[in-house]
């Protein structure tokens, strides 16, 4: 699946799916950092401020769970505008 197929910037697709199995999941940050007042989500990556702050200490399972939710979250953030 290509990043444009799910409506994500290419960088998010590459970081979430293009990693080697023994490496930790990289951040989905695309350096577009602004939090929506309506949803509380970053308009660049779709994470909450708490998730962003905790990212470095999260387990791979927690990071994967969040990464799996990002496409839906980003769609919701874009629908707000």
N, C-alpha and C. Protein backbone atom coordinates (compact mmCIF):
# COMPACT_ATOMS: atom_id res chain seq x y z
N UNK A 1 0.86 -1.18 0.00
CA UNK A 1 0.00 0.00 0.00
C UNK A 1 0.90 1.24 0.00
N UNK A 2 0.61 2.19 -0.84
CA UNK A 2 1.37 3.43 -0.92
C UNK A 2 0.77 4.47 0.02
N UNK A 3 1.62 5.44 0.43
CA UNK A 3 1.14 6.46 1.36
C UNK A 3 -0.04 7.23 0.81
N UNK A 4 -0.05 7.49 -0.51
CA UNK A 4 -1.17 8.25 -1.07
C UNK A 4 -2.46 7.44 -1.07
N UNK A 5 -2.36 6.10 -0.97
CA UNK A 5 -3.54 5.25 -0.90
C UNK A 5 -4.30 5.43 0.41
N UNK A 6 -3.60 5.81 1.46
CA UNK A 6 -4.25 5.99 2.76
C UNK A 6 -4.29 7.45 3.18
N UNK A 7 -3.86 8.35 2.31
CA UNK A 7 -3.95 9.77 2.60
C UNK A 7 -2.90 10.29 3.57
N UNK A 8 -1.79 9.59 3.71
CA UNK A 8 -0.73 10.03 4.61
C UNK A 8 0.41 10.64 3.83
N UNK A 9 1.11 11.58 4.43
CA UNK A 9 2.33 12.06 3.79
C UNK A 9 3.30 10.89 3.61
N UNK A 10 4.10 10.88 2.55
CA UNK A 10 5.01 9.76 2.30
C UNK A 10 5.92 9.44 3.48
N UNK A 11 6.36 10.46 4.22
CA UNK A 11 7.28 10.23 5.33
C UNK A 11 6.65 9.32 6.39
N UNK A 12 5.37 9.50 6.69
CA UNK A 12 4.73 8.65 7.70
C UNK A 12 4.68 7.22 7.20
N UNK A 13 4.34 7.02 5.96
CA UNK A 13 4.29 5.68 5.41
C UNK A 13 5.66 5.02 5.48
N UNK A 14 6.71 5.75 5.11
CA UNK A 14 8.05 5.17 5.13
C UNK A 14 8.49 4.82 6.54
N UNK A 15 8.22 5.69 7.49
CA UNK A 15 8.66 5.42 8.86
C UNK A 15 7.88 4.30 9.50
N UNK A 16 6.62 4.18 9.17
CA UNK A 16 5.82 3.16 9.84
C UNK A 16 5.95 1.79 9.18
N UNK A 17 6.20 1.74 7.88
CA UNK A 17 6.21 0.45 7.20
C UNK A 17 7.58 0.08 6.63
N UNK A 18 8.48 1.04 6.52
CA UNK A 18 9.75 0.76 5.88
C UNK A 18 10.87 0.45 6.85
N UNK A 19 10.57 0.14 8.07
CA UNK A 19 11.62 -0.13 9.04
C UNK A 19 11.98 -1.60 9.05
N UNK A 20 13.18 -1.89 9.52
CA UNK A 20 13.57 -3.27 9.68
C UNK A 20 12.95 -3.81 10.95
N UNK A 21 12.71 -5.09 11.02
CA UNK A 21 11.97 -5.69 12.13
C UNK A 21 12.67 -5.52 13.48
N UNK A 22 13.99 -5.42 13.53
CA UNK A 22 14.67 -5.33 14.81
C UNK A 22 14.89 -3.90 15.27
N UNK A 23 14.44 -2.92 14.52
CA UNK A 23 14.58 -1.53 14.89
C UNK A 23 13.30 -1.02 15.54
N UNK A 24 13.43 -0.12 16.52
CA UNK A 24 12.22 0.45 17.11
C UNK A 24 11.46 1.30 16.09
N UNK A 25 10.18 1.45 16.31
CA UNK A 25 9.36 2.26 15.42
C UNK A 25 9.80 3.71 15.54
N UNK A 26 10.09 4.33 14.42
CA UNK A 26 10.50 5.73 14.42
C UNK A 26 9.30 6.64 14.66
N UNK A 27 9.58 7.86 14.93
CA UNK A 27 8.52 8.84 15.16
C UNK A 27 7.76 9.16 13.88
N UNK A 28 6.47 9.41 13.97
CA UNK A 28 5.70 9.83 12.80
C UNK A 28 5.78 11.34 12.56
N UNK A 29 6.57 12.04 13.35
CA UNK A 29 6.67 13.50 13.24
C UNK A 29 7.13 13.90 11.85
N UNK A 30 6.43 14.88 11.26
CA UNK A 30 6.81 15.41 9.96
C UNK A 30 7.20 16.88 10.06
N UNK A 31 7.45 17.34 11.29
CA UNK A 31 7.89 18.71 11.57
C UNK A 31 6.83 19.75 11.21
N UNK A 32 5.57 19.37 11.31
CA UNK A 32 4.44 20.29 11.17
C UNK A 32 3.71 20.20 12.51
N UNK A 33 4.19 20.97 13.47
CA UNK A 33 3.74 20.81 14.85
C UNK A 33 2.78 21.92 15.25
N UNK A 34 1.52 21.59 15.28
CA UNK A 34 0.47 22.50 15.74
C UNK A 34 -0.68 21.62 16.21
N UNK A 35 -1.18 21.90 17.40
CA UNK A 35 -2.24 21.08 17.96
C UNK A 35 -3.59 21.73 17.70
N UNK A 36 -4.52 20.94 17.19
CA UNK A 36 -5.87 21.40 16.93
C UNK A 36 -6.59 21.65 18.25
N UNK A 37 -7.21 22.81 18.37
CA UNK A 37 -7.98 23.13 19.57
C UNK A 37 -9.22 22.27 19.71
N UNK A 38 -9.76 21.79 18.59
CA UNK A 38 -10.96 20.96 18.63
C UNK A 38 -10.67 19.54 19.07
N UNK A 39 -9.69 18.91 18.43
CA UNK A 39 -9.44 17.49 18.69
C UNK A 39 -8.32 17.24 19.69
N UNK A 40 -7.43 18.21 19.88
CA UNK A 40 -6.27 18.00 20.74
C UNK A 40 -5.18 17.18 20.08
N UNK A 41 -5.28 17.02 18.75
CA UNK A 41 -4.30 16.24 18.01
C UNK A 41 -3.38 17.15 17.21
N UNK A 42 -2.13 16.73 17.06
CA UNK A 42 -1.19 17.45 16.21
C UNK A 42 -1.68 17.34 14.76
N UNK A 43 -1.73 18.45 14.05
CA UNK A 43 -2.21 18.43 12.67
C UNK A 43 -1.18 17.82 11.72
N UNK A 44 0.07 17.67 12.16
CA UNK A 44 1.11 17.06 11.33
C UNK A 44 1.17 15.56 11.45
N UNK A 45 1.12 15.05 12.68
CA UNK A 45 1.31 13.61 12.86
C UNK A 45 0.08 12.90 13.43
N UNK A 46 -0.83 13.62 14.05
CA UNK A 46 -2.04 13.00 14.58
C UNK A 46 -1.95 12.51 16.01
N UNK A 47 -0.82 12.77 16.67
CA UNK A 47 -0.68 12.32 18.06
C UNK A 47 -1.15 13.40 19.02
N UNK A 48 -1.47 12.97 20.25
CA UNK A 48 -1.80 13.91 21.31
C UNK A 48 -0.50 14.45 21.90
N UNK A 49 -0.60 15.54 22.66
CA UNK A 49 0.60 16.08 23.31
C UNK A 49 1.21 15.05 24.27
N UNK A 50 0.37 14.31 24.96
CA UNK A 50 0.86 13.27 25.87
C UNK A 50 1.61 12.17 25.15
N UNK A 51 1.09 11.77 23.99
CA UNK A 51 1.77 10.73 23.20
C UNK A 51 3.10 11.23 22.67
N UNK A 52 3.12 12.49 22.23
CA UNK A 52 4.36 13.08 21.73
C UNK A 52 5.41 13.10 22.84
N UNK A 53 5.01 13.56 24.03
CA UNK A 53 5.93 13.66 25.16
C UNK A 53 6.45 12.29 25.61
N UNK A 54 5.59 11.28 25.55
CA UNK A 54 5.96 9.95 26.05
C UNK A 54 6.61 9.06 25.00
N UNK A 55 6.62 9.49 23.74
CA UNK A 55 7.02 8.63 22.61
C UNK A 55 8.33 7.88 22.85
N UNK A 56 9.35 8.55 23.31
CA UNK A 56 10.65 7.91 23.50
C UNK A 56 10.64 6.78 24.51
N UNK A 57 9.71 6.79 25.45
CA UNK A 57 9.64 5.76 26.47
C UNK A 57 8.59 4.70 26.24
N UNK A 58 7.85 4.80 25.14
CA UNK A 58 6.79 3.83 24.87
C UNK A 58 7.36 2.52 24.33
N UNK A 59 6.66 1.45 24.59
CA UNK A 59 7.05 0.15 24.04
C UNK A 59 6.72 0.13 22.55
N UNK A 60 7.34 -0.81 21.83
CA UNK A 60 7.03 -0.96 20.41
C UNK A 60 5.55 -1.25 20.21
N UNK A 61 4.94 -2.03 21.10
CA UNK A 61 3.52 -2.35 20.98
C UNK A 61 2.66 -1.10 21.11
N UNK A 62 3.01 -0.23 22.06
CA UNK A 62 2.26 1.01 22.22
C UNK A 62 2.46 1.94 21.02
N UNK A 63 3.69 2.01 20.54
CA UNK A 63 3.95 2.84 19.35
C UNK A 63 3.18 2.31 18.15
N UNK A 64 3.17 1.00 17.96
CA UNK A 64 2.45 0.39 16.84
C UNK A 64 0.96 0.68 16.94
N UNK A 65 0.40 0.58 18.14
CA UNK A 65 -1.03 0.86 18.33
C UNK A 65 -1.35 2.29 17.92
N UNK A 66 -0.51 3.22 18.35
CA UNK A 66 -0.72 4.63 18.00
C UNK A 66 -0.54 4.83 16.51
N UNK A 67 0.51 4.26 15.93
CA UNK A 67 0.75 4.41 14.49
C UNK A 67 -0.44 3.88 13.68
N UNK A 68 -1.03 2.79 14.14
CA UNK A 68 -2.18 2.23 13.43
C UNK A 68 -3.40 3.15 13.47
N UNK A 69 -3.50 3.98 14.50
CA UNK A 69 -4.63 4.90 14.65
C UNK A 69 -4.44 6.21 13.88
N UNK A 70 -3.21 6.53 13.50
CA UNK A 70 -2.93 7.84 12.91
C UNK A 70 -3.70 8.15 11.63
N UNK A 71 -3.86 7.22 10.70
CA UNK A 71 -4.62 7.57 9.49
C UNK A 71 -6.04 8.07 9.80
N UNK A 72 -6.72 7.38 10.71
CA UNK A 72 -8.08 7.78 11.10
C UNK A 72 -8.06 9.14 11.79
N UNK A 73 -7.11 9.32 12.67
CA UNK A 73 -7.00 10.59 13.39
C UNK A 73 -6.73 11.75 12.44
N UNK A 74 -5.81 11.56 11.50
CA UNK A 74 -5.48 12.65 10.58
C UNK A 74 -6.65 12.98 9.67
N UNK A 75 -7.43 12.00 9.29
CA UNK A 75 -8.64 12.27 8.52
C UNK A 75 -9.59 13.16 9.32
N UNK A 76 -9.75 12.86 10.59
CA UNK A 76 -10.63 13.65 11.45
C UNK A 76 -10.12 15.08 11.61
N UNK A 77 -8.81 15.23 11.77
CA UNK A 77 -8.22 16.57 11.92
C UNK A 77 -8.43 17.37 10.64
N UNK A 78 -8.25 16.73 9.51
CA UNK A 78 -8.42 17.44 8.22
C UNK A 78 -9.89 17.79 7.98
N UNK A 79 -10.80 16.99 8.48
CA UNK A 79 -12.23 17.25 8.32
C UNK A 79 -12.67 18.44 9.16
N UNK A 80 -11.91 18.78 10.21
CA UNK A 80 -12.24 19.93 11.05
C UNK A 80 -12.10 21.24 10.30
N UNK A 81 -11.18 21.28 9.34
CA UNK A 81 -10.92 22.55 8.67
C UNK A 81 -11.86 22.86 7.55
